[in-house]
Amino acid sequence: MSKSKKDKLRADAKYYFWDTSYIWKFYVDQLVRRCVPHDEFHSILTFYHSHSYGGHFRENKTTHKVLENGLYWLFILKNAYHFYKSCEKCQRNGNITYKDQMSLTNILVGEIFMFGVSIL
C-alpha cells in the first residue's frame, strides 16, 4: 500500500472499534452504530421497508429508520434505493399525486348563542 492509503486507513480506523463479534462505528453526533455484514442487509431492509413496521416508504425514510435503530453499512442509501425500486408493491402503487388528494370543502360556521340581543 502507498503511504497515503496507509494514512487514510489509520485516519478512518479511529472511528471504529471491535467488540466480541461486532464492529461498531462512532459518529460525530456522539452516536454509536453497529456495522452490518454484507449478507445481513437485505433482511434488514425487508423488515424496515416491507413488514408492518416498514410501511413501504421511499429510500430516504427507510434509510432513516435503519440509522435510527443503530445499524449501519457502507452503501446504505444506494442499497435502500435499489431495494425500493425492486419492490413490486411500491412500483405498482406509485406515489400520491395532486390528483389523488381529496378536494377541499368549506366549513359552515354558525353561532349557537347570540349575546347582547334582547328579545321582548
C-alpha atoms as a PDB file:
ATOM      1  CA  MET A   1       0.000   0.000   0.000  1.00  0.00           C
ATOM      2  CA  SER A   2       1.127   3.504  -0.623  1.00  0.00           C
ATOM      3  CA  LYS A   3       1.819   5.903   2.237  1.00  0.00           C
ATOM      4  CA  SER A   4      -1.277   7.992   1.529  1.00  0.00           C
ATOM      5  CA  LYS A   5      -3.547   4.918   1.639  1.00  0.00           C
ATOM      6  CA  LYS A   6      -1.981   3.809   4.924  1.00  0.00           C
ATOM      7  CA  ASP A   7      -2.549   7.261   6.395  1.00  0.00           C
ATOM      8  CA  LYS A   8      -6.158   7.238   5.196  1.00  0.00           C
ATOM      9  CA  LEU A   9      -6.704   3.802   6.738  1.00  0.00           C
ATOM     10  CA  ARG A  10      -5.279   4.966  10.077  1.00  0.00           C
ATOM     11  CA  ALA A  11      -7.428   8.100   9.994  1.00  0.00           C
ATOM     12  CA  ASP A  12     -10.608   6.108   9.260  1.00  0.00           C
ATOM     13  CA  ALA A  13      -9.805   3.382  11.802  1.00  0.00           C
ATOM     14  CA  LYS A  14     -10.157   5.725  14.772  1.00  0.00           C
ATOM     15  CA  TYR A  15     -13.945   5.848  14.203  1.00  0.00           C
ATOM     16  CA  TYR A  16     -14.384   2.068  14.505  1.00  0.00           C
ATOM     17  CA  PHE A  17     -13.965  -0.424  17.317  1.00  0.00           C
ATOM     18  CA  TRP A  18     -14.409  -4.170  17.580  1.00  0.00           C
ATOM     19  CA  ASP A  19     -16.320  -5.733  20.467  1.00  0.00           C
ATOM     20  CA  THR A  20     -16.715  -9.537  20.565  1.00  0.00           C
ATOM     21  CA  SER A  21     -18.288 -10.353  17.202  1.00  0.00           C
ATOM     22  CA  TYR A  22     -19.476  -6.901  16.075  1.00  0.00           C
ATOM     23  CA  ILE A  23     -17.797  -3.846  14.616  1.00  0.00           C
ATOM     24  CA  TRP A  24     -19.141  -0.516  15.878  1.00  0.00           C
ATOM     25  CA  LYS A  25     -18.732   2.947  14.381  1.00  0.00           C
ATOM     26  CA  PHE A  26     -18.540   6.253  16.275  1.00  0.00           C
ATOM     27  CA  TYR A  27     -20.282   9.228  14.669  1.00  0.00           C
ATOM     28  CA  VAL A  28     -19.705  12.947  15.031  1.00  0.00           C
ATOM     29  CA  ASP A  29     -23.073  13.369  16.762  1.00  0.00           C
ATOM     30  CA  GLN A  30     -21.923  11.020  19.582  1.00  0.00           C
ATOM     31  CA  LEU A  31     -23.922   8.024  18.313  1.00  0.00           C
ATOM     32  CA  VAL A  32     -22.530   4.523  18.037  1.00  0.00           C
ATOM     33  CA  ARG A  33     -23.950   2.236  15.342  1.00  0.00           C
ATOM     34  CA  ARG A  34     -23.349  -1.437  14.655  1.00  0.00           C
ATOM     35  CA  CYS A  35     -21.799  -2.215  11.286  1.00  0.00           C
ATOM     36  CA  VAL A  36     -23.846  -4.847   9.464  1.00  0.00           C
ATOM     37  CA  PRO A  37     -22.170  -7.533   7.334  1.00  0.00           C
ATOM     38  CA  HIS A  38     -22.946  -7.632   3.623  1.00  0.00           C
ATOM     39  CA  ASP A  39     -25.096 -10.781   3.845  1.00  0.00           C
ATOM     40  CA  GLU A  40     -27.466  -9.314   6.503  1.00  0.00           C
ATOM     41  CA  PHE A  41     -28.538  -6.007   4.980  1.00  0.00           C
ATOM     42  CA  HIS A  42     -31.219  -7.469   2.678  1.00  0.00           C
ATOM     43  CA  SER A  43     -33.190  -8.925   5.596  1.00  0.00           C
ATOM     44  CA  ILE A  44     -32.823  -5.640   7.496  1.00  0.00           C
ATOM     45  CA  LEU A  45     -34.153  -3.639   4.542  1.00  0.00           C
ATOM     46  CA  THR A  46     -37.017  -6.115   4.171  1.00  0.00           C
ATOM     47  CA  PHE A  47     -38.014  -5.537   7.777  1.00  0.00           C
ATOM     48  CA  TYR A  48     -37.723  -1.738   7.698  1.00  0.00           C
ATOM     49  CA  HIS A  49     -39.451  -1.391   4.327  1.00  0.00           C
ATOM     50  CA  SER A  50     -41.954  -4.205   3.818  1.00  0.00           C
ATOM     51  CA  HIS A  51     -43.095  -5.564   7.176  1.00  0.00           C
ATOM     52  CA  SER A  52     -45.623  -3.951   9.493  1.00  0.00           C
ATOM     53  CA  TYR A  53     -43.020  -1.538  10.888  1.00  0.00           C
ATOM     54  CA  GLY A  54     -41.979  -0.543   7.368  1.00  0.00           C
ATOM     55  CA  GLY A  55     -44.916   0.975   5.575  1.00  0.00           C
ATOM     56  CA  HIS A  56     -43.332   0.842   2.078  1.00  0.00           C
ATOM     57  CA  PHE A  57     -41.698   4.259   2.328  1.00  0.00           C
ATOM     58  CA  ARG A  58     -39.095   5.526  -0.129  1.00  0.00           C
ATOM     59  CA  GLU A  59     -35.361   5.015   0.260  1.00  0.00           C
ATOM     60  CA  ASN A  60     -34.688   8.114   2.397  1.00  0.00           C
ATOM     61  CA  LYS A  61     -37.284   7.244   5.031  1.00  0.00           C
ATOM     62  CA  THR A  62     -36.227   3.582   5.083  1.00  0.00           C
ATOM     63  CA  THR A  63     -32.574   4.580   5.498  1.00  0.00           C
ATOM     64  CA  HIS A  64     -33.526   6.957   8.303  1.00  0.00           C
ATOM     65  CA  LYS A  65     -35.361   4.156  10.129  1.00  0.00           C
ATOM     66  CA  VAL A  66     -32.350   1.847   9.848  1.00  0.00           C
ATOM     67  CA  LEU A  67     -29.961   4.525  11.123  1.00  0.00           C
ATOM     68  CA  GLU A  68     -32.345   5.475  13.950  1.00  0.00           C
ATOM     69  CA  ASN A  69     -32.187   1.922  15.232  1.00  0.00           C
ATOM     70  CA  GLY A  70     -28.413   1.852  15.412  1.00  0.00           C
ATOM     71  CA  LEU A  71     -27.425  -0.065  12.274  1.00  0.00           C
ATOM     72  CA  TYR A  72     -25.003   0.951   9.542  1.00  0.00           C
ATOM     73  CA  TRP A  73     -23.310  -0.377   6.421  1.00  0.00           C
ATOM     74  CA  LEU A  74     -21.223   1.287   3.773  1.00  0.00           C
ATOM     75  CA  PHE A  75     -23.658   1.784   0.874  1.00  0.00           C
ATOM     76  CA  ILE A  76     -26.875   2.005   2.894  1.00  0.00           C
ATOM     77  CA  LEU A  77     -28.633   4.663   0.793  1.00  0.00           C
ATOM     78  CA  LYS A  78     -27.708   3.024  -2.506  1.00  0.00           C
ATOM     79  CA  ASN A  79     -28.923  -0.387  -1.295  1.00  0.00           C
ATOM     80  CA  ALA A  80     -32.168   1.112   0.053  1.00  0.00           C
ATOM     81  CA  TYR A  81     -32.757   2.798  -3.317  1.00  0.00           C
ATOM     82  CA  HIS A  82     -32.294  -0.474  -5.234  1.00  0.00           C
ATOM     83  CA  PHE A  83     -34.500  -2.290  -2.730  1.00  0.00           C
ATOM     84  CA  TYR A  84     -37.243   0.316  -3.147  1.00  0.00           C
ATOM     85  CA  LYS A  85     -37.007   0.135  -6.939  1.00  0.00           C
ATOM     86  CA  SER A  86     -37.286  -3.666  -6.860  1.00  0.00           C
ATOM     87  CA  CYS A  87     -40.324  -3.663  -4.534  1.00  0.00           C
ATOM     88  CA  GLU A  88     -43.239  -4.720  -6.700  1.00  0.00           C
ATOM     89  CA  LYS A  89     -45.914  -3.251  -4.412  1.00  0.00           C
ATOM     90  CA  CYS A  90     -44.252   0.191  -4.385  1.00  0.00           C
ATOM     91  CA  GLN A  91     -43.818   0.259  -8.144  1.00  0.00           C
ATOM     92  CA  ARG A  92     -47.405  -0.825  -8.764  1.00  0.00           C
ATOM     93  CA  ASN A  93     -48.964   1.777  -6.453  1.00  0.00           C
ATOM     94  CA  GLY A  94     -46.686   4.692  -7.248  1.00  0.00           C
ATOM     95  CA  ASN A  95     -46.686   8.000  -5.429  1.00  0.00           C
ATOM     96  CA  ILE A  96     -49.665  10.057  -4.350  1.00  0.00           C
ATOM     97  CA  THR A  97     -50.082  12.942  -6.759  1.00  0.00           C
ATOM     98  CA  TYR A  98     -52.051  16.162  -6.618  1.00  0.00           C
ATOM     99  CA  LYS A  99     -54.922  14.485  -8.497  1.00  0.00           C
ATOM    100  CA  ASP A 100     -55.259  11.806  -5.808  1.00  0.00           C
ATOM    101  CA  GLN A 101     -55.840  14.266  -2.980  1.00  0.00           C
ATOM    102  CA  MET A 102     -59.333  14.980  -1.725  1.00  0.00           C
ATOM    103  CA  SER A 103     -60.837  18.302  -2.671  1.00  0.00           C
ATOM    104  CA  LEU A 104     -61.172  20.977  -0.009  1.00  0.00           C
ATOM    105  CA  THR A 105     -64.650  21.880   1.203  1.00  0.00           C
ATOM    106  CA  ASN A 106     -65.779  24.938   3.106  1.00  0.00           C
ATOM    107  CA  ILE A 107     -66.830  24.587   6.719  1.00  0.00           C
ATOM    108  CA  LEU A 108     -70.074  26.326   7.649  1.00  0.00           C
ATOM    109  CA  VAL A 109     -69.819  28.171  10.940  1.00  0.00           C
ATOM    110  CA  GLY A 110     -72.972  29.103  12.788  1.00  0.00           C
ATOM    111  CA  GLU A 111     -73.343  30.914  16.054  1.00  0.00           C
ATOM    112  CA  ILE A 112     -75.254  28.977  18.664  1.00  0.00           C
ATOM    113  CA  PHE A 113     -75.572  31.691  21.284  1.00  0.00           C
ATOM    114  CA  MET A 114     -76.176  35.295  20.433  1.00  0.00           C
ATOM    115  CA  PHE A 115     -75.018  37.559  23.254  1.00  0.00           C
ATOM    116  CA  GLY A 116     -76.258  41.092  23.654  1.00  0.00           C
ATOM    117  CA  VAL A 117     -79.532  40.571  21.803  1.00  0.00           C
ATOM    118  CA  SER A 118     -82.673  41.050  23.856  1.00  0.00           C
ATOM    119  CA  ILE A 119     -85.946  39.591  22.761  1.00  0.00           C
ATOM    120  CA  LEU A 120     -89.064  41.416  24.042  1.00  0.00           C
END
